[in-house]
Protein backbone atom coordinates (compact mmCIF):
# COMPACT_ATOMS: atom_id res chain seq x y z
CA MET A 1 -6.30 9.11 9.92
CA SER A 2 -6.76 7.64 13.72
CA GLN A 3 -3.79 9.28 16.07
CA TYR A 4 -2.02 6.06 15.40
CA SER A 5 1.99 6.78 15.48
CA TRP A 6 2.97 5.71 12.02
CA ASN A 7 6.23 4.67 10.79
CA THR A 8 6.07 6.22 6.95
CA SER A 9 9.50 4.59 5.78
CA LEU A 10 8.45 1.09 6.88
CA TYR A 11 4.71 1.86 5.69
CA GLU A 12 6.40 2.38 2.40
CA LYS A 13 8.64 -0.17 2.29
CA ASN A 14 6.59 -2.69 3.21
CA HIS A 15 2.56 -2.23 2.79
CA ALA A 16 2.49 -0.54 -0.65
CA PHE A 17 -0.09 -3.24 -1.46
CA ILE A 18 -2.25 -0.10 0.68
CA TRP A 19 -2.29 2.35 -2.27
CA GLN A 20 -1.68 -0.30 -4.97
CA TYR A 21 -4.81 -2.39 -4.92
CA GLY A 22 -6.34 1.56 -4.13
CA GLU A 23 -5.68 2.12 -7.31
CA SER A 24 -8.09 0.18 -9.22
CA LEU A 25 -10.97 2.31 -6.65
CA LEU A 26 -9.69 5.30 -8.98
CA GLU A 27 -12.07 3.40 -12.05
CA LEU A 28 -14.79 4.17 -9.57
CA LEU A 29 -14.02 7.41 -9.13
CA ALA A 30 -13.04 8.37 -12.49
CA PRO A 31 -11.78 11.81 -11.95
CA LYS A 32 -11.90 14.76 -14.79
CA ALA A 33 -10.40 17.41 -15.55
CA GLY A 34 -11.28 20.76 -14.00
CA GLU A 35 -12.58 18.77 -10.73
CA ARG A 36 -12.20 19.42 -7.43
CA ILE A 37 -11.61 16.59 -5.02
CA LEU A 38 -10.29 15.62 -1.62
CA ASP A 39 -8.28 12.53 -0.87
CA LEU A 40 -9.49 11.41 2.31
CA GLY A 41 -6.66 10.06 4.65
CA CYS A 42 -4.15 10.37 1.84
CA GLY A 43 -1.56 8.77 3.79
CA THR A 44 1.81 9.21 1.59
CA GLY A 45 0.38 10.82 -1.13
CA GLN A 46 0.61 8.18 -4.23
CA LEU A 47 -3.23 8.16 -5.14
CA THR A 48 -3.44 11.54 -4.53
CA ALA A 49 -1.04 11.74 -6.98
CA LYS A 50 -2.61 9.51 -9.39
CA ILE A 51 -5.82 11.65 -9.13
CA ALA A 52 -4.26 14.61 -9.82
CA GLU A 53 -2.92 13.24 -12.91
CA ASN A 54 -6.29 13.51 -14.63
CA GLY A 55 -6.24 17.50 -14.69
CA THR A 56 -8.09 17.70 -11.23
CA PHE A 57 -7.44 20.27 -8.74
CA VAL A 58 -7.06 17.85 -5.64
CA GLN A 59 -5.77 18.13 -2.01
CA GLY A 60 -4.74 15.34 0.13
CA ILE A 61 -6.18 15.63 3.95
CA ASP A 62 -4.79 12.82 7.00
CA SER A 63 -5.03 12.91 10.72
CA SER A 64 -0.72 12.05 10.66
CA LEU A 65 1.66 14.90 10.98
CA SER A 66 4.51 11.66 9.75
CA MET A 67 2.05 11.24 6.63
CA ILE A 68 1.41 14.53 5.66
CA SER A 69 5.13 15.32 5.64
CA THR A 70 5.81 12.28 4.05
CA ALA A 71 3.51 13.04 1.36
CA LYS A 72 4.27 16.83 1.12
CA PHE A 73 8.42 15.35 0.21
CA ASN A 74 7.07 13.01 -1.95
CA TYR A 75 4.46 15.06 -4.35
CA PRO A 76 5.62 19.01 -3.58
CA HIS A 77 3.30 20.19 -6.25
CA ILE A 78 0.27 18.60 -4.66
CA ASN A 79 -1.49 20.37 -1.39
CA PHE A 80 -1.37 18.50 1.73
CA VAL A 81 -2.57 19.44 5.02
CA ALA A 82 -3.10 17.57 8.25
CA ALA A 83 -6.44 17.40 9.14
CA ASP A 84 -9.07 14.91 11.24
CA ALA A 85 -11.61 13.14 8.80
CA ARG A 86 -14.30 13.61 11.67
CA ASP A 87 -14.34 17.50 11.88
CA PHE A 88 -12.47 19.07 8.53
CA GLN A 89 -13.86 21.45 6.32
CA VAL A 90 -13.10 23.25 2.94
CA GLU A 91 -13.04 26.06 1.56
CA GLU A 92 -15.25 25.54 -1.92
CA PRO A 93 -17.71 22.84 -2.22
CA LEU A 94 -16.59 19.69 -3.71
CA ASP A 95 -17.03 17.63 -7.01
CA ALA A 96 -15.72 14.40 -5.22
CA VAL A 97 -14.43 13.01 -1.84
CA PHE A 98 -12.25 9.63 -2.70
CA SER A 99 -10.88 7.51 0.48
CA ASN A 100 -8.70 4.58 0.30
CA ALA A 101 -7.83 2.48 3.42
CA VAL A 102 -9.30 4.73 5.47
CA LEU A 103 -12.59 5.00 7.23
CA HIS A 104 -12.43 1.64 9.50
CA TRP A 105 -9.73 3.51 11.17
CA ILE A 106 -13.11 5.59 12.36
CA LYS A 107 -15.00 4.36 15.23
CA GLN A 108 -17.65 7.38 14.88
CA PRO A 109 -18.48 6.92 11.37
CA ASP A 110 -21.54 9.28 11.72
CA ALA A 111 -18.99 12.48 11.91
CA ALA A 112 -16.90 11.32 9.35
CA ILE A 113 -20.05 11.04 6.75
CA ASN A 114 -21.16 14.26 8.05
CA CYS A 115 -18.36 16.32 7.24
CA VAL A 116 -18.34 14.47 3.76
CA GLU A 117 -21.69 15.72 3.46
CA LYS A 118 -21.02 19.23 3.97
CA ALA A 119 -17.79 19.29 1.98
CA LEU A 120 -19.66 18.38 -1.38
CA LYS A 121 -22.26 20.00 -3.72
CA PRO A 122 -25.44 18.56 -4.72
CA GLY A 123 -24.74 15.74 -6.66
CA GLY A 124 -20.88 15.64 -6.00
CA ARG A 125 -19.97 12.00 -4.93
CA PHE A 126 -17.68 9.98 -1.98
CA VAL A 127 -16.24 7.24 -3.48
CA ALA A 128 -14.29 4.93 -0.87
CA GLU A 129 -13.14 1.95 0.08
CA PHE A 130 -12.03 -0.14 3.17
CA GLY A 131 -12.78 -2.50 6.12
CA GLY A 132 -15.61 -4.04 6.13
CA LYS A 133 -17.64 -6.96 7.74
CA GLY A 134 -15.01 -9.66 9.10
CA ASN A 135 -12.03 -8.00 7.86
CA VAL A 136 -8.62 -9.94 9.07
CA GLY A 137 -11.23 -11.89 11.19
CA ALA A 138 -8.62 -14.56 12.13
CA ILE A 139 -5.82 -11.98 13.18
CA VAL A 140 -8.38 -10.15 14.98
CA ARG A 141 -9.60 -13.30 16.73
CA ALA A 142 -6.20 -14.54 17.41
CA LEU A 143 -4.94 -11.29 19.35
CA LEU A 144 -7.84 -11.06 21.54
CA SER A 145 -7.49 -14.78 22.41
CA VAL A 146 -3.87 -14.37 23.38
CA LEU A 147 -4.70 -11.24 24.94
CA SER A 148 -7.23 -12.77 26.94
CA GLU A 149 -5.06 -15.39 27.78
CA ILE A 150 -2.48 -13.84 29.19
CA GLY A 151 -4.99 -11.74 31.59
CA CYS A 152 -5.51 -8.65 29.62
CA GLN A 153 -9.26 -7.38 30.71
CA GLU A 154 -11.57 -6.35 28.46
CA PRO A 155 -9.20 -6.96 25.13
CA GLU A 156 -12.33 -6.10 23.05
CA ALA A 157 -12.41 -2.68 24.05
CA LEU A 158 -9.22 -2.71 22.63
CA ASN A 159 -10.29 -2.97 18.93
CA PRO A 160 -9.05 0.01 17.02
CA TRP A 161 -11.00 -0.83 13.95
CA TYR A 162 -14.91 -0.13 12.83
CA PHE A 163 -15.63 -3.04 9.92
CA PRO A 164 -19.61 -2.38 8.95
CA SER A 165 -21.75 -4.32 6.91
CA ILE A 166 -22.95 -3.33 3.46
CA GLY A 167 -26.21 -2.28 4.99
CA GLU A 168 -25.05 -0.71 8.16
CA TYR A 169 -22.72 1.82 6.34
CA ALA A 170 -25.62 2.50 3.52
CA GLY A 171 -28.09 3.63 5.73
CA LEU A 172 -25.65 5.87 7.77
CA LEU A 173 -25.09 7.35 4.39
CA GLU A 174 -28.65 7.62 3.19
CA LYS A 175 -29.78 9.10 6.73
CA GLN A 176 -27.04 12.19 6.26
CA GLY A 177 -28.57 13.19 2.49
CA PHE A 178 -26.93 10.59 0.08
CA ASP A 179 -28.03 8.08 -2.74
CA VAL A 180 -26.19 4.64 -2.48
CA GLY A 181 -25.67 3.80 -5.88
CA TYR A 182 -23.11 0.65 -5.73
CA ALA A 183 -22.22 -1.34 -2.37
CA VAL A 184 -20.16 -4.31 -2.38
CA LEU A 185 -18.87 -6.32 -0.01
CA PHE A 186 -15.75 -8.96 -0.84
CA ASP A 187 -12.82 -11.16 0.09
CA ARG A 188 -9.27 -9.55 -0.89
CA PRO A 189 -7.38 -12.00 0.68
CA THR A 190 -3.80 -9.89 0.91
CA PRO A 191 -0.15 -11.28 0.60
CA LEU A 192 2.21 -9.37 3.17
CA GLU A 193 5.47 -8.35 1.70
CA GLY A 194 8.71 -9.37 4.26
CA GLY A 195 8.07 -13.36 3.64
CA SER A 196 8.22 -15.25 6.91
CA ALA A 197 8.26 -11.65 9.06
CA GLY A 198 5.57 -10.52 6.40
CA MET A 199 2.95 -11.02 9.28
CA VAL A 200 4.62 -9.84 12.38
CA ASN A 201 5.51 -6.64 10.00
CA TRP A 202 1.70 -6.30 9.71
CA ILE A 203 0.54 -6.32 13.33
CA GLU A 204 3.49 -4.02 14.34
CA MET A 205 2.06 -1.53 11.57
CA PHE A 206 -1.44 -1.94 11.71
CA ALA A 207 -2.69 -3.84 15.42
CA GLY A 208 -0.27 -1.88 18.31
CA GLY A 209 -3.43 -0.78 19.72
CA PHE A 210 -3.98 -4.03 20.32
CA LEU A 211 -1.16 -3.83 22.82
CA SER A 212 -2.30 -1.15 24.55
CA GLY A 213 -4.28 -2.78 27.17
CA LEU A 214 -0.91 -4.12 28.62
CA SER A 215 -0.32 -3.49 32.27
CA ASP A 216 1.77 -0.41 33.27
CA ASP A 217 4.69 -2.17 35.18
CA VAL A 218 4.98 -4.79 31.84
CA ARG A 219 4.88 -1.73 29.74
CA GLU A 220 7.85 -0.27 31.46
CA ALA A 221 11.08 -1.96 31.00
CA LYS A 222 9.76 -4.98 29.67
CA LEU A 223 7.78 -3.61 26.72
CA SER A 224 9.60 -4.76 23.41
CA ARG A 225 9.96 -8.27 24.58
CA ARG A 226 6.24 -8.81 26.16
CA GLU A 227 5.20 -7.84 23.21
CA SER A 228 7.43 -9.68 20.73
CA GLN A 229 5.85 -12.57 22.27
CA ILE A 230 2.16 -11.73 21.96
CA ILE A 231 3.08 -11.28 18.51
CA ASN A 232 4.61 -14.44 18.00
CA SER A 233 1.98 -16.32 19.86
CA VAL A 234 -0.58 -14.99 17.45
CA GLU A 235 1.60 -15.64 14.73
CA GLU A 236 1.64 -19.85 15.45
CA ARG A 237 -2.17 -19.34 15.71
CA LEU A 238 -2.40 -18.10 12.06
CA ARG A 239 0.13 -20.17 10.58
CA SER A 240 -1.84 -23.03 9.57
CA ALA A 241 -4.60 -20.85 8.10
CA LEU A 242 -2.67 -17.95 6.93
CA TYR A 243 1.18 -18.85 5.74
CA ARG A 244 1.49 -20.73 2.58
CA ASP A 245 4.61 -20.95 0.67
CA GLY A 246 7.11 -18.89 2.93
CA ASN A 247 4.63 -16.13 2.57
CA TRP A 248 1.39 -14.64 4.67
CA ILE A 249 -1.31 -13.55 3.29
CA ALA A 250 -4.10 -11.79 5.47
CA ASP A 251 -7.51 -12.30 5.51
CA TYR A 252 -9.04 -8.83 4.19
CA ARG A 253 -12.56 -8.67 3.03
CA ARG A 254 -13.57 -4.73 1.70
CA ILE A 255 -16.49 -2.54 1.22
CA ARG A 256 -17.10 -0.40 -2.11
CA VAL A 257 -19.08 2.33 -2.11
CA VAL A 258 -20.05 5.16 -3.91
CA ALA A 259 -22.51 7.48 -3.06
CA VAL A 260 -23.96 10.74 -4.44
CA LYS A 261 -25.16 13.58 -2.53
CA ASN A 262 -29.17 14.51 -2.83
CA SER A 263 -29.60 17.23 -4.73
CA TYR A 264 -33.11 18.32 -3.35
């Protein structure tokens, strides 16, 4: 849901784990026939289609035009619309809002929660999973360290993600009229596709925001070479901790939350 430029073909080819792990989140959503449900940050539509199989009236939204275009191609029978998590609106109140692997891209969480609250009926539920406190901590530390060493000013400001604790996020939900019935933070070490290229693929797909701090003269003519050097340096720092038997593992930590909009 960020303004990140997504390569949807690589997303679907190398990062199918995003929606495959999200399938178990559907058990918490428990969609019922006839319900009106929004998939917030639908990506290329795989989980939206799973929700639709239950006879629900489901719509998928994503801020990425390329994601929405691919979702429409994949599932032409489902309604997909380009919209931002921070200012979307719906035509009729919803029974549920579902979101998988999206909210850690939203660095204005209050705005997203406010939109969700306004979209739901009283008693409507919000079911979400996203990166929690400490998510990809080793990867982030390696990126920041390499960028700092090559002279990047304030590399922390380049971090594109928001990884809250349970207490922080539950508090934000409660302030905006939700009762939080379930919240859990858990480690989920995640094998990456691509064998020995798995970490490079992951950084190029998801962590490109860290490379935006390169100076203009570096970015002009030497961008791909410089980026490659940075990514390779990060990869080497991570090898001992996250590389096993020819495959990379990302040190994911996830939050899952189920909250219900107050009826009073």
